[in-house]
N, C-alpha and C. Protein backbone atom coordinates (compact mmCIF):
# COMPACT_ATOMS: atom_id res chain seq x y z
N MET A 1 -0.64 -74.09 -26.30
CA MET A 1 -1.93 -74.44 -26.22
C MET A 1 -2.46 -74.70 -27.64
N LYS A 2 -3.32 -75.57 -28.03
CA LYS A 2 -3.67 -75.78 -29.49
C LYS A 2 -5.27 -75.00 -29.42
N ASN A 3 -5.18 -74.28 -30.63
CA ASN A 3 -6.69 -73.57 -31.12
C ASN A 3 -6.88 -73.93 -32.26
N SER A 4 -7.82 -74.95 -32.20
CA SER A 4 -8.29 -75.67 -33.28
C SER A 4 -9.77 -75.01 -33.69
N ILE A 5 -10.26 -74.96 -35.12
CA ILE A 5 -11.34 -74.51 -35.50
C ILE A 5 -12.11 -75.57 -36.27
N ASP A 6 -13.26 -75.75 -36.15
CA ASP A 6 -14.18 -76.92 -36.83
C ASP A 6 -15.31 -75.95 -37.49
N GLU A 7 -15.54 -76.66 -38.72
CA GLU A 7 -16.84 -75.99 -39.44
C GLU A 7 -17.79 -76.75 -39.14
N VAL A 8 -18.82 -76.34 -38.65
CA VAL A 8 -20.06 -77.17 -37.92
C VAL A 8 -21.28 -76.04 -38.78
N ASN A 9 -22.16 -76.60 -39.41
CA ASN A 9 -23.20 -75.82 -40.19
C ASN A 9 -22.77 -74.65 -40.80
N GLY A 10 -21.83 -74.60 -41.65
CA GLY A 10 -21.46 -73.73 -42.47
C GLY A 10 -20.56 -72.61 -41.41
N GLU A 11 -20.31 -72.64 -40.08
CA GLU A 11 -19.83 -71.87 -39.16
C GLU A 11 -18.70 -72.12 -38.41
N ASN A 12 -17.69 -71.34 -38.29
CA ASN A 12 -16.60 -71.75 -37.90
C ASN A 12 -16.77 -71.96 -36.20
N VAL A 13 -16.28 -72.76 -35.52
CA VAL A 13 -16.71 -73.28 -34.16
C VAL A 13 -15.35 -73.39 -33.45
N ARG A 14 -15.07 -72.60 -32.35
CA ARG A 14 -13.79 -72.96 -31.79
C ARG A 14 -13.94 -74.45 -31.05
N THR A 15 -12.88 -75.14 -30.96
CA THR A 15 -13.06 -76.39 -30.16
C THR A 15 -12.26 -76.31 -28.86
N ASP A 16 -11.48 -75.44 -28.82
CA ASP A 16 -10.50 -75.22 -27.57
C ASP A 16 -11.36 -74.19 -26.52
N LYS A 17 -12.00 -74.77 -25.48
CA LYS A 17 -13.02 -74.06 -24.80
C LYS A 17 -11.90 -73.00 -24.10
N VAL A 18 -10.81 -73.61 -23.67
CA VAL A 18 -10.09 -72.60 -22.74
C VAL A 18 -9.24 -71.51 -23.48
N MET A 19 -8.98 -71.73 -24.81
CA MET A 19 -8.58 -70.67 -25.97
C MET A 19 -9.90 -69.39 -25.86
N ALA A 20 -10.96 -70.15 -26.36
CA ALA A 20 -12.11 -69.40 -26.24
C ALA A 20 -12.52 -68.48 -25.06
N GLU A 21 -12.35 -69.06 -24.02
CA GLU A 21 -12.56 -68.13 -22.89
C GLU A 21 -11.54 -67.05 -22.67
N LEU A 22 -10.42 -67.31 -22.89
CA LEU A 22 -9.23 -66.50 -22.68
C LEU A 22 -9.52 -65.33 -23.74
N VAL A 23 -9.88 -65.49 -24.86
CA VAL A 23 -9.90 -64.46 -25.94
C VAL A 23 -11.01 -63.73 -25.70
N GLU A 24 -12.18 -64.11 -25.20
CA GLU A 24 -13.32 -63.52 -24.76
C GLU A 24 -12.89 -62.60 -23.50
N ARG A 25 -12.22 -63.16 -22.54
CA ARG A 25 -11.89 -61.97 -21.49
C ARG A 25 -11.30 -61.04 -21.95
N GLY A 26 -10.22 -61.50 -22.79
CA GLY A 26 -9.45 -60.37 -23.27
C GLY A 26 -10.10 -59.34 -24.31
N VAL A 27 -11.01 -59.56 -24.81
CA VAL A 27 -12.03 -58.83 -25.69
C VAL A 27 -12.67 -57.81 -24.59
N ALA A 28 -13.03 -58.70 -23.57
CA ALA A 28 -13.67 -57.62 -22.46
C ALA A 28 -12.76 -56.60 -21.80
N PHE A 29 -11.43 -57.03 -21.99
CA PHE A 29 -10.50 -56.18 -20.98
C PHE A 29 -10.23 -55.11 -22.16
N HIS A 30 -10.12 -55.48 -23.52
CA HIS A 30 -10.03 -54.45 -24.30
C HIS A 30 -11.06 -53.46 -24.32
N HIS A 31 -12.53 -53.47 -24.27
CA HIS A 31 -13.40 -52.72 -24.40
C HIS A 31 -13.30 -51.76 -22.70
N ALA A 32 -12.86 -52.54 -21.72
CA ALA A 32 -13.06 -51.94 -20.49
C ALA A 32 -11.52 -51.07 -20.18
N LEU A 33 -10.53 -51.81 -20.81
CA LEU A 33 -9.04 -51.26 -19.99
C LEU A 33 -8.32 -50.80 -20.88
N GLY A 34 -8.71 -51.34 -22.56
CA GLY A 34 -7.85 -50.76 -23.48
C GLY A 34 -6.88 -51.94 -23.88
N ARG A 35 -6.33 -51.55 -25.05
CA ARG A 35 -5.83 -52.70 -25.84
C ARG A 35 -4.20 -53.08 -25.07
N THR A 36 -3.94 -52.13 -24.48
CA THR A 36 -2.48 -52.53 -23.83
C THR A 36 -2.69 -53.53 -22.82
N VAL A 37 -3.60 -53.37 -22.09
CA VAL A 37 -4.04 -54.33 -20.99
C VAL A 37 -4.17 -55.83 -21.63
N ALA A 38 -5.32 -55.62 -22.79
CA ALA A 38 -5.99 -56.81 -23.09
C ALA A 38 -4.71 -57.65 -23.65
N THR A 39 -3.75 -57.01 -24.49
CA THR A 39 -2.58 -57.68 -25.15
C THR A 39 -1.60 -58.18 -24.20
N ALA A 40 -1.71 -57.41 -23.20
CA ALA A 40 -0.55 -58.12 -22.06
C ALA A 40 -1.33 -59.17 -21.30
N TYR A 41 -2.50 -59.20 -21.24
CA TYR A 41 -3.17 -60.26 -20.60
C TYR A 41 -3.38 -61.41 -21.30
N LEU A 42 -3.31 -61.31 -22.49
CA LEU A 42 -3.36 -62.50 -23.85
C LEU A 42 -2.30 -63.17 -23.78
N ARG A 43 -0.94 -62.42 -23.90
CA ARG A 43 0.44 -62.83 -24.02
C ARG A 43 0.71 -63.58 -22.81
N GLU A 44 0.38 -63.03 -21.66
CA GLU A 44 0.59 -63.76 -20.36
C GLU A 44 -0.04 -64.99 -20.12
N HIS A 45 -1.11 -65.15 -21.24
CA HIS A 45 -1.77 -66.64 -21.05
C HIS A 45 -1.59 -67.47 -22.32
N ALA A 46 -0.20 -67.16 -22.89
CA ALA A 46 0.29 -67.86 -24.05
C ALA A 46 -0.65 -68.01 -25.12
N VAL A 47 -1.45 -66.81 -25.40
CA VAL A 47 -2.57 -67.10 -27.02
C VAL A 47 -1.45 -66.54 -27.88
N PRO A 48 -1.55 -67.41 -28.89
CA PRO A 48 -0.76 -66.98 -29.94
C PRO A 48 -0.75 -65.51 -30.28
N VAL A 49 0.56 -64.99 -31.20
CA VAL A 49 0.39 -63.62 -31.41
C VAL A 49 -0.63 -63.48 -32.79
N GLU A 50 -0.50 -64.55 -33.62
CA GLU A 50 -1.68 -64.33 -34.93
C GLU A 50 -2.75 -64.49 -34.24
N VAL A 51 -3.32 -64.82 -33.21
CA VAL A 51 -4.68 -64.87 -32.85
C VAL A 51 -4.94 -63.30 -32.12
N ILE A 52 -3.91 -62.83 -31.22
CA ILE A 52 -4.27 -61.46 -30.86
C ILE A 52 -4.35 -60.43 -31.91
N ARG A 53 -3.31 -60.70 -33.12
CA ARG A 53 -3.26 -59.80 -34.20
C ARG A 53 -5.05 -59.53 -34.94
N ARG A 54 -5.54 -60.96 -35.15
CA ARG A 54 -6.66 -61.03 -35.43
C ARG A 54 -7.77 -60.69 -35.05
N VAL A 55 -7.73 -60.85 -33.50
CA VAL A 55 -8.78 -60.34 -32.79
C VAL A 55 -8.90 -59.03 -32.30
N PHE A 56 -7.48 -58.17 -32.38
CA PHE A 56 -7.84 -56.54 -32.48
C PHE A 56 -7.42 -55.94 -33.92
N SER A 57 -7.21 -56.74 -34.98
CA SER A 57 -7.11 -56.02 -36.23
C SER A 57 -8.28 -55.23 -36.64
N SER A 58 -9.53 -55.81 -36.38
CA SER A 58 -10.92 -54.97 -36.94
C SER A 58 -12.05 -55.76 -36.43
N VAL A 59 -13.09 -54.89 -36.23
CA VAL A 59 -14.45 -55.83 -35.92
C VAL A 59 -14.91 -56.63 -37.01
N GLN A 60 -14.57 -56.51 -38.21
CA GLN A 60 -15.08 -57.45 -39.10
C GLN A 60 -14.44 -58.41 -39.22
N ALA A 61 -13.15 -58.79 -38.95
CA ALA A 61 -12.13 -59.82 -38.87
C ALA A 61 -12.75 -60.98 -37.83
N ARG A 62 -13.30 -60.85 -37.01
CA ARG A 62 -13.95 -61.72 -35.94
C ARG A 62 -15.35 -61.87 -35.94
N ARG A 63 -15.91 -62.77 -35.46
CA ARG A 63 -17.43 -63.00 -35.33
C ARG A 63 -17.73 -62.07 -34.04
N PRO A 64 -18.86 -61.86 -34.15
CA PRO A 64 -19.57 -61.32 -32.96
C PRO A 64 -19.29 -62.02 -31.61
N ALA A 65 -18.62 -61.02 -30.51
CA ALA A 65 -18.38 -61.69 -29.20
C ALA A 65 -19.67 -62.24 -28.66
N ARG A 66 -19.73 -63.24 -27.55
CA ARG A 66 -20.79 -63.43 -26.79
C ARG A 66 -20.85 -62.39 -25.64
N PRO A 67 -22.08 -62.01 -25.11
CA PRO A 67 -22.20 -61.07 -24.04
C PRO A 67 -21.14 -61.39 -22.90
N ALA A 68 -20.77 -60.57 -22.33
CA ALA A 68 -19.76 -60.93 -21.35
C ALA A 68 -20.38 -61.61 -20.06
N ARG A 69 -19.72 -62.27 -19.36
CA ARG A 69 -20.14 -62.96 -18.22
C ARG A 69 -19.19 -62.45 -17.21
N ARG A 70 -19.83 -61.76 -15.99
CA ARG A 70 -18.64 -61.34 -14.86
C ARG A 70 -18.33 -62.29 -13.71
N ARG A 71 -17.60 -63.35 -14.20
CA ARG A 71 -17.07 -64.19 -13.37
C ARG A 71 -15.85 -63.77 -12.79
N TRP A 72 -15.37 -62.60 -13.22
CA TRP A 72 -13.99 -62.37 -12.33
C TRP A 72 -14.30 -61.01 -11.92
N ARG A 73 -14.45 -61.01 -10.56
CA ARG A 73 -14.73 -59.79 -9.90
C ARG A 73 -13.69 -59.24 -9.05
């Protein structure tokens, strides 16, 4: 799965929408269920290890998340 980032108006923008949604859902799982569950979810969906590390490394390393949408009930 390709995860490309473009620079638009001085801001990094994910161009791989599927990867972006997986990461956002993983972040929601992290907040609700913990890091172990979130990491397992992202690994099961072939998110690269470097991305998982960056997402969970620190709050300052990633841009603010969008508000979670409850599409998976």
